[in-house]
Protein backbone atom coordinates (compact mmCIF):
# COMPACT_ATOMS: atom_id res chain seq x y z
CA UNK A 1 0.02 0.07 0.00
CA UNK A 2 1.32 3.29 -1.16
CA UNK A 3 2.27 6.38 1.65
CA UNK A 4 -0.54 8.33 0.33
CA UNK A 5 -3.30 6.05 0.24
CA UNK A 6 -2.30 5.21 4.10
CA UNK A 7 -2.44 8.85 5.10
CA UNK A 8 -6.11 9.32 3.64
CA UNK A 9 -6.88 6.11 5.58
CA UNK A 10 -5.45 7.31 8.47
CA UNK A 11 -7.41 11.10 8.41
CA UNK A 12 -10.80 8.97 7.97
CA UNK A 13 -10.02 7.12 11.22
CA UNK A 14 -9.41 10.35 13.19
CA UNK A 15 -12.12 10.72 15.83
CA UNK A 16 -14.75 13.71 15.32
CA UNK A 17 -13.31 15.61 18.43
CA UNK A 18 -10.11 16.79 16.26
CA UNK A 19 -9.91 20.49 15.92
CA UNK A 20 -9.42 21.22 12.39
CA UNK A 21 -9.07 25.41 11.14
CA UNK A 22 -11.50 26.16 8.39
CA UNK A 23 -11.11 29.82 7.25
CA UNK A 24 -13.93 31.86 6.66
CA UNK A 25 -15.36 32.44 3.63
CA UNK A 26 -14.95 36.16 3.62
CA UNK A 27 -11.33 35.79 3.56
CA UNK A 28 -11.45 34.64 -0.05
CA UNK A 29 -13.15 37.71 -1.14
CA UNK A 30 -11.14 40.25 -2.78
CA UNK A 31 -10.02 43.58 -0.47
CA UNK A 32 -12.52 45.80 -1.97
CA UNK A 33 -15.31 43.65 -1.13
CA UNK A 34 -14.21 43.16 2.48
CA UNK A 35 -13.66 46.92 3.09
CA UNK A 36 -17.43 47.67 1.42
CA UNK A 37 -19.31 47.31 4.77
CA UNK A 38 -16.76 48.73 7.04
CA UNK A 39 -17.01 52.37 5.34
CA UNK A 40 -18.86 54.85 7.60
CA UNK A 41 -21.74 56.52 5.76
CA UNK A 42 -21.50 60.33 4.94
CA UNK A 43 -24.24 62.41 6.21
CA UNK A 44 -24.22 65.88 4.49
CA UNK A 45 -25.54 69.09 6.67
CA UNK A 46 -28.93 70.37 5.74
CA UNK A 47 -28.46 73.21 3.77
CA UNK A 48 -29.18 76.53 5.65
CA UNK A 49 -30.51 79.60 3.67
CA UNK A 50 -28.36 82.61 3.01
CA UNK A 51 -28.60 85.48 5.86
CA UNK A 52 -29.00 88.27 3.17
CA UNK A 53 -32.17 86.25 1.49
CA UNK A 54 -35.91 87.29 2.64
CA UNK A 55 -38.21 84.68 3.60
CA UNK A 56 -40.71 83.03 1.49
CA UNK A 57 -44.03 84.17 3.00
CA UNK A 58 -45.82 81.82 0.73
CA UNK A 59 -43.79 78.52 1.26
CA UNK A 60 -46.51 76.83 3.58
CA UNK A 61 -49.61 77.96 0.70
CA UNK A 62 -50.96 75.40 -1.76
CA UNK A 63 -49.45 76.24 -5.34
CA UNK A 64 -51.92 76.63 -8.24
CA UNK A 65 -51.85 74.46 -11.30
CA UNK A 66 -49.74 75.96 -14.34
CA UNK A 67 -51.55 76.11 -17.72
CA UNK A 68 -48.88 75.93 -20.36
CA UNK A 69 -49.81 78.81 -23.38
CA UNK A 70 -48.96 77.73 -26.68
CA UNK A 71 -47.72 81.28 -27.73
CA UNK A 72 -46.62 83.37 -24.77
CA UNK A 73 -46.53 86.87 -25.21
CA UNK A 74 -43.34 88.56 -25.38
CA UNK A 75 -42.16 92.03 -24.55
CA UNK A 76 -42.75 94.32 -27.27
CA UNK A 77 -39.56 95.04 -29.37
CA UNK A 78 -38.74 98.54 -30.57
CA UNK A 79 -40.05 98.54 -34.68
CA UNK A 80 -37.15 98.35 -37.29
CA UNK A 81 -35.76 101.35 -39.13
CA UNK A 82 -36.28 99.77 -42.43
CA UNK A 83 -40.16 98.96 -41.42
CA UNK A 84 -40.43 102.97 -40.09
CA UNK A 85 -39.01 104.10 -43.80
CA UNK A 86 -41.24 101.76 -45.84
CA UNK A 87 -44.35 101.15 -43.64
CA UNK A 88 -45.89 104.74 -44.96
CA UNK A 89 -46.05 103.06 -48.85
CA UNK A 90 -47.47 100.03 -47.69
CA UNK A 91 -50.41 101.78 -45.94
CA UNK A 92 -50.86 104.13 -48.96
CA UNK A 93 -51.65 101.45 -51.37
CA UNK A 94 -54.77 99.64 -51.24
CA UNK A 95 -55.94 96.23 -51.42
CA UNK A 96 -53.96 94.77 -48.40
CA UNK A 97 -53.61 90.90 -48.14
CA UNK A 98 -52.33 89.10 -44.77
CA UNK A 99 -51.37 85.83 -43.74
CA UNK A 100 -53.07 84.84 -40.78
CA UNK A 101 -52.26 81.94 -38.43
CA UNK A 102 -55.33 80.64 -36.36
CA UNK A 103 -54.32 77.64 -34.07
CA UNK A 104 -51.00 77.35 -36.36
CA UNK A 105 -52.99 77.04 -39.46
CA UNK A 106 -52.33 79.66 -41.90
CA UNK A 107 -54.64 81.58 -44.21
CA UNK A 108 -54.03 84.26 -46.82
CA UNK A 109 -57.17 86.09 -47.06
CA UNK A 110 -58.36 89.86 -47.48
CA UNK A 111 -61.05 92.36 -45.98
CA UNK A 112 -64.45 90.34 -46.69
CA UNK A 113 -63.01 86.35 -47.26
CA UNK A 114 -64.83 83.65 -45.66
CA UNK A 115 -63.03 81.31 -43.55
CA UNK A 116 -63.63 77.62 -42.89
CA UNK A 117 -61.72 76.38 -40.35
CA UNK A 118 -60.91 72.17 -40.25
CA UNK A 119 -62.17 72.15 -36.68
CA UNK A 120 -64.71 73.47 -34.38
CA UNK A 121 -63.32 76.36 -32.31
CA UNK A 122 -64.17 75.77 -28.79
CA UNK A 123 -65.94 78.88 -26.70
CA UNK A 124 -67.41 80.94 -29.51
CA UNK A 125 -70.89 81.47 -30.74
CA UNK A 126 -72.52 83.04 -34.02
CA UNK A 127 -71.95 86.83 -33.88
CA UNK A 128 -68.80 87.18 -31.90
CA UNK A 129 -66.07 89.25 -32.93
CA UNK A 130 -62.27 87.63 -32.79
CA UNK A 131 -59.07 89.91 -32.98
CA UNK A 132 -56.56 87.79 -34.64
CA UNK A 133 -53.06 88.86 -34.00
CA UNK A 134 -50.89 86.37 -35.33
CA UNK A 135 -49.60 87.31 -38.66
CA UNK A 136 -46.83 86.32 -40.76
CA UNK A 137 -47.00 88.25 -44.28
CA UNK A 138 -48.79 91.61 -45.01
CA UNK A 139 -48.87 93.04 -48.44
CA UNK A 140 -49.89 95.30 -51.07
CA UNK A 141 -49.58 95.21 -54.69
CA UNK A 142 -45.47 96.37 -54.42
CA UNK A 143 -44.92 96.31 -50.84
CA UNK A 144 -44.58 93.06 -48.62
CA UNK A 145 -43.90 92.65 -44.71
CA UNK A 146 -42.80 89.62 -43.37
CA UNK A 147 -42.42 88.49 -39.87
CA UNK A 148 -39.55 86.49 -38.28
CA UNK A 149 -41.84 84.17 -37.75
CA UNK A 150 -44.80 86.94 -36.55
CA UNK A 151 -45.29 90.75 -37.32
CA UNK A 152 -45.79 92.96 -34.21
CA UNK A 153 -49.38 93.06 -33.43
CA UNK A 154 -49.30 96.83 -33.00
CA UNK A 155 -48.71 97.24 -36.69
CA UNK A 156 -52.20 95.76 -37.83
CA UNK A 157 -55.64 95.22 -36.60
CA UNK A 158 -57.52 92.11 -38.01
CA UNK A 159 -60.99 91.20 -36.71
CA UNK A 160 -63.07 88.06 -37.86
CA UNK A 161 -66.83 87.60 -37.02
CA UNK A 162 -67.90 84.04 -36.85
CA UNK A 163 -70.74 83.44 -38.87
CA UNK A 164 -71.91 79.71 -37.46
CA UNK A 165 -70.76 76.37 -37.20
CA UNK A 166 -71.36 73.66 -40.64
CA UNK A 167 -71.25 69.96 -40.53
CA UNK A 168 -70.48 67.30 -43.24
CA UNK A 169 -72.83 64.29 -43.55
CA UNK A 170 -72.46 61.14 -41.93
CA UNK A 171 -69.88 59.24 -42.91
CA UNK A 172 -69.82 55.44 -42.31
CA UNK A 173 -66.74 53.42 -42.78
CA UNK A 174 -66.71 49.74 -42.80
CA UNK A 175 -63.54 48.45 -40.89
CA UNK A 176 -62.89 44.22 -41.19
CA UNK A 177 -59.37 42.35 -41.33
CA UNK A 178 -58.74 39.44 -43.28
CA UNK A 179 -59.95 35.79 -42.45
CA UNK A 180 -62.16 37.18 -40.11
CA UNK A 181 -66.20 37.39 -40.01
CA UNK A 182 -66.42 40.13 -37.41
CA UNK A 183 -66.72 43.79 -39.13
CA UNK A 184 -67.42 47.29 -37.16
CA UNK A 185 -68.68 50.46 -38.43
CA UNK A 186 -66.62 53.89 -37.74
CA UNK A 187 -69.02 56.63 -38.11
CA UNK A 188 -67.73 60.00 -38.51
CA UNK A 189 -69.53 63.32 -38.56
CA UNK A 190 -66.80 66.70 -38.79
CA UNK A 191 -67.91 69.97 -37.71
CA UNK A 192 -66.55 73.37 -39.04
CA UNK A 193 -66.40 76.99 -37.94
CA UNK A 194 -66.82 79.64 -40.41
CA UNK A 195 -65.30 83.00 -39.99
CA UNK A 196 -65.55 86.19 -42.09
CA UNK A 197 -62.62 88.63 -42.15
CA UNK A 198 -64.63 91.96 -41.15
CA UNK A 199 -61.78 94.19 -40.59
CA UNK A 200 -58.32 94.67 -42.12
CA UNK A 201 -56.07 97.90 -40.97
CA UNK A 202 -52.95 98.60 -41.16
CA UNK A 203 -51.60 101.62 -38.73
CA UNK A 204 -49.51 104.21 -39.60
CA UNK A 205 -46.14 105.19 -37.11
CA UNK A 206 -48.07 107.93 -35.47
CA UNK A 207 -50.58 105.23 -34.42
CA UNK A 208 -48.01 102.84 -33.71
CA UNK A 209 -46.04 104.89 -31.51
């Protein structure tokens, strides 16, 4: 019998009360893993207000909901010199036209034209007069004024009268899928708002300033 086999037999016959050294499992972990839990947490001090800042009187009050405006009103900017020089020539010529923007849709109109909006404008009734203050182009026969992107609303006045609401006939469309017997009907009946440009006036420099 070899020595290695004899040594293994003697170890198996050893009494259970023999002391054996068992190394802990964390000793096999790398150095950064052993020191992870031993790091003390860092607690930052609470930020104190500056002594020069005044206290907020409405800190305990409930804040109202803020409604996002699609076109925030910008502060008035001074009129450029080129506009001041050529505006009298534009005002002197008749037959003005304007490209007005209503809910993001541009419309090239003159005074007396009718506009059929592709949607129902909320909050208006027949007979209401609307002030249209979003325009990108104002022109006449020989002169054209372009905005970047819009023209200052102090230069012109454009008003529209709500004539009423129209609706198209009911449309029914059959929707189905292949190899399926079930069908459904999609009904649609669009409504439109009719406007008439009742006033288009371009102001002089004296009226603007």
